[in-house]
Amino acid sequence: MDDGTVAFIMRERLTHENLKSNPYAAYLFLEDTPGHRGIRLFLKMVREDDNAELIASMTRRHLKPEVDAQKGPKHLVYFAVEKVLPLIGSGEPPAR
């Protein structure tokens, strides 16, 4: 199932390192509403981009350049969405 592509900005931490040996990841998106609403995304890494200008244009939180540099390099990592499920349950209709 191909529902598109998503991208995340990542620093060189454990999650980024783990993608080198296992390109699969899962992401839980929880809606900011009462109750338990959201989706689970099952992802496969397809590519990585280290273009600093592109990453800066997509970054919401702006740190002072020296503080940002101290935190380490950033990478823009693209994932193919392989499966989307509801937050709770299998996504299959209940058995009758």
C-alpha atoms as a PDB file:
ATOM      1  CA  MET A   1       0.000   0.000   0.000  1.00  0.00           C
ATOM      2  CA  ASP A   2       1.498   3.336  -0.985  1.00  0.00           C
ATOM      3  CA  ASP A   3      -0.097   6.263   0.827  1.00  0.00           C
ATOM      4  CA  GLY A   4       2.692   8.709   0.060  1.00  0.00           C
ATOM      5  CA  THR A   5       5.854   9.959   1.633  1.00  0.00           C
ATOM      6  CA  VAL A   6       6.627  11.746   4.881  1.00  0.00           C
ATOM      7  CA  ALA A   7       9.858  13.391   5.976  1.00  0.00           C
ATOM      8  CA  PHE A   8      11.405  14.034   9.381  1.00  0.00           C
ATOM      9  CA  ILE A   9      14.328  16.225  10.378  1.00  0.00           C
ATOM     10  CA  MET A  10      16.663  14.149  12.541  1.00  0.00           C
ATOM     11  CA  ARG A  11      19.872  14.803  14.377  1.00  0.00           C
ATOM     12  CA  GLU A  12      22.587  12.161  14.617  1.00  0.00           C
ATOM     13  CA  ARG A  13      21.084  10.284  17.543  1.00  0.00           C
ATOM     14  CA  LEU A  14      20.112   6.670  18.156  1.00  0.00           C
ATOM     15  CA  THR A  15      17.030   6.699  15.902  1.00  0.00           C
ATOM     16  CA  HIS A  16      19.036   8.003  12.950  1.00  0.00           C
ATOM     17  CA  GLU A  17      21.800   5.464  13.623  1.00  0.00           C
ATOM     18  CA  ASN A  18      19.302   2.583  13.824  1.00  0.00           C
ATOM     19  CA  LEU A  19      17.969   3.418  10.354  1.00  0.00           C
ATOM     20  CA  LYS A  20      21.359   2.457   8.893  1.00  0.00           C
ATOM     21  CA  SER A  21      20.771  -1.198   9.784  1.00  0.00           C
ATOM     22  CA  ASN A  22      16.946  -1.282   9.758  1.00  0.00           C
ATOM     23  CA  PRO A  23      15.105   1.099   7.406  1.00  0.00           C
ATOM     24  CA  TYR A  24      11.684   0.382   8.960  1.00  0.00           C
ATOM     25  CA  ALA A  25      10.050   2.660  11.512  1.00  0.00           C
ATOM     26  CA  ALA A  26       6.698   3.334  13.109  1.00  0.00           C
ATOM     27  CA  TYR A  27       5.209   6.704  13.995  1.00  0.00           C
ATOM     28  CA  LEU A  28       2.203   7.377  16.184  1.00  0.00           C
ATOM     29  CA  PHE A  29       0.243  10.565  15.492  1.00  0.00           C
ATOM     30  CA  LEU A  30      -2.050  11.519  18.371  1.00  0.00           C
ATOM     31  CA  GLU A  31      -4.693  14.163  17.619  1.00  0.00           C
ATOM     32  CA  ASP A  32      -5.007  17.036  20.079  1.00  0.00           C
ATOM     33  CA  THR A  33      -8.663  16.291  20.831  1.00  0.00           C
ATOM     34  CA  PRO A  34     -10.528  14.652  23.698  1.00  0.00           C
ATOM     35  CA  GLY A  35     -10.370  10.866  23.636  1.00  0.00           C
ATOM     36  CA  HIS A  36      -7.954   8.578  21.878  1.00  0.00           C
ATOM     37  CA  ARG A  37      -7.843   9.710  18.258  1.00  0.00           C
ATOM     38  CA  GLY A  38      -4.996   9.422  15.828  1.00  0.00           C
ATOM     39  CA  ILE A  39      -3.217   7.059  13.468  1.00  0.00           C
ATOM     40  CA  ARG A  40      -0.237   4.726  13.375  1.00  0.00           C
ATOM     41  CA  LEU A  41       2.095   4.967  10.384  1.00  0.00           C
ATOM     42  CA  PHE A  42       4.344   2.105   9.337  1.00  0.00           C
ATOM     43  CA  LEU A  43       7.255   3.509   7.364  1.00  0.00           C
ATOM     44  CA  LYS A  44      10.273   2.512   5.283  1.00  0.00           C
ATOM     45  CA  MET A  45      13.182   4.911   4.802  1.00  0.00           C
ATOM     46  CA  VAL A  46      13.698   5.715   1.128  1.00  0.00           C
ATOM     47  CA  ARG A  47      16.329   8.448   1.160  1.00  0.00           C
ATOM     48  CA  GLU A  48      18.149  11.106   3.119  1.00  0.00           C
ATOM     49  CA  ASP A  49      19.050  14.705   2.301  1.00  0.00           C
ATOM     50  CA  ASP A  50      21.662  16.798   4.115  1.00  0.00           C
ATOM     51  CA  ASN A  51      20.897  20.114   2.344  1.00  0.00           C
ATOM     52  CA  ALA A  52      21.337  22.621   5.193  1.00  0.00           C
ATOM     53  CA  GLU A  53      19.327  25.373   3.458  1.00  0.00           C
ATOM     54  CA  LEU A  54      16.375  23.062   2.829  1.00  0.00           C
ATOM     55  CA  ILE A  55      16.455  21.767   6.412  1.00  0.00           C
ATOM     56  CA  ALA A  56      16.639  25.335   7.788  1.00  0.00           C
ATOM     57  CA  SER A  57      13.629  26.354   5.691  1.00  0.00           C
ATOM     58  CA  MET A  58      11.599  23.498   7.209  1.00  0.00           C
ATOM     59  CA  THR A  59      12.653  24.045  10.820  1.00  0.00           C
ATOM     60  CA  ARG A  60      10.097  25.711  13.100  1.00  0.00           C
ATOM     61  CA  ARG A  61      12.238  26.236  16.192  1.00  0.00           C
ATOM     62  CA  HIS A  62      15.170  28.520  15.553  1.00  0.00           C
ATOM     63  CA  LEU A  63      18.180  28.220  17.817  1.00  0.00           C
ATOM     64  CA  LYS A  64      21.146  30.536  17.796  1.00  0.00           C
ATOM     65  CA  PRO A  65      23.547  29.197  15.125  1.00  0.00           C
ATOM     66  CA  GLU A  66      26.222  28.270  17.668  1.00  0.00           C
ATOM     67  CA  VAL A  67      23.727  26.403  19.880  1.00  0.00           C
ATOM     68  CA  ASP A  68      22.279  24.596  16.839  1.00  0.00           C
ATOM     69  CA  ALA A  69      25.770  23.571  15.697  1.00  0.00           C
ATOM     70  CA  GLN A  70      26.604  22.219  19.171  1.00  0.00           C
ATOM     71  CA  LYS A  71      23.595  19.897  18.991  1.00  0.00           C
ATOM     72  CA  GLY A  72      25.027  18.183  15.907  1.00  0.00           C
ATOM     73  CA  PRO A  73      24.232  17.812  12.210  1.00  0.00           C
ATOM     74  CA  LYS A  74      20.668  17.506  10.940  1.00  0.00           C
ATOM     75  CA  HIS A  75      19.370  15.179   8.244  1.00  0.00           C
ATOM     76  CA  LEU A  76      16.113  15.266   6.304  1.00  0.00           C
ATOM     77  CA  VAL A  77      14.972  11.631   6.160  1.00  0.00           C
ATOM     78  CA  TYR A  78      12.198  10.579   3.769  1.00  0.00           C
ATOM     79  CA  PHE A  79       9.969   7.579   4.402  1.00  0.00           C
ATOM     80  CA  ALA A  80       7.459   5.736   2.228  1.00  0.00           C
ATOM     81  CA  VAL A  81       4.214   5.141   4.119  1.00  0.00           C
ATOM     82  CA  GLU A  82       3.625   1.395   3.891  1.00  0.00           C
ATOM     83  CA  LYS A  83       0.559   1.088   6.109  1.00  0.00           C
ATOM     84  CA  VAL A  84      -1.818   3.359   8.021  1.00  0.00           C
ATOM     85  CA  LEU A  85      -3.855   2.008  10.932  1.00  0.00           C
ATOM     86  CA  PRO A  86      -6.149   3.671  13.442  1.00  0.00           C
ATOM     87  CA  LEU A  87      -4.646   4.516  16.796  1.00  0.00           C
ATOM     88  CA  ILE A  88      -6.592   1.728  18.473  1.00  0.00           C
ATOM     89  CA  GLY A  89      -7.445  -1.608  16.880  1.00  0.00           C
ATOM     90  CA  SER A  90      -6.383  -3.514  13.800  1.00  0.00           C
ATOM     91  CA  GLY A  91      -8.264  -1.432  11.253  1.00  0.00           C
ATOM     92  CA  GLU A  92     -10.351  -4.477  10.348  1.00  0.00           C
ATOM     93  CA  PRO A  93     -14.128  -4.396  10.826  1.00  0.00           C
ATOM     94  CA  PRO A  94     -15.246  -6.173  14.000  1.00  0.00           C
ATOM     95  CA  ALA A  95     -16.185  -9.862  13.629  1.00  0.00           C
ATOM     96  CA  ARG A  96     -19.908 -10.571  13.700  1.00  0.00           C
END
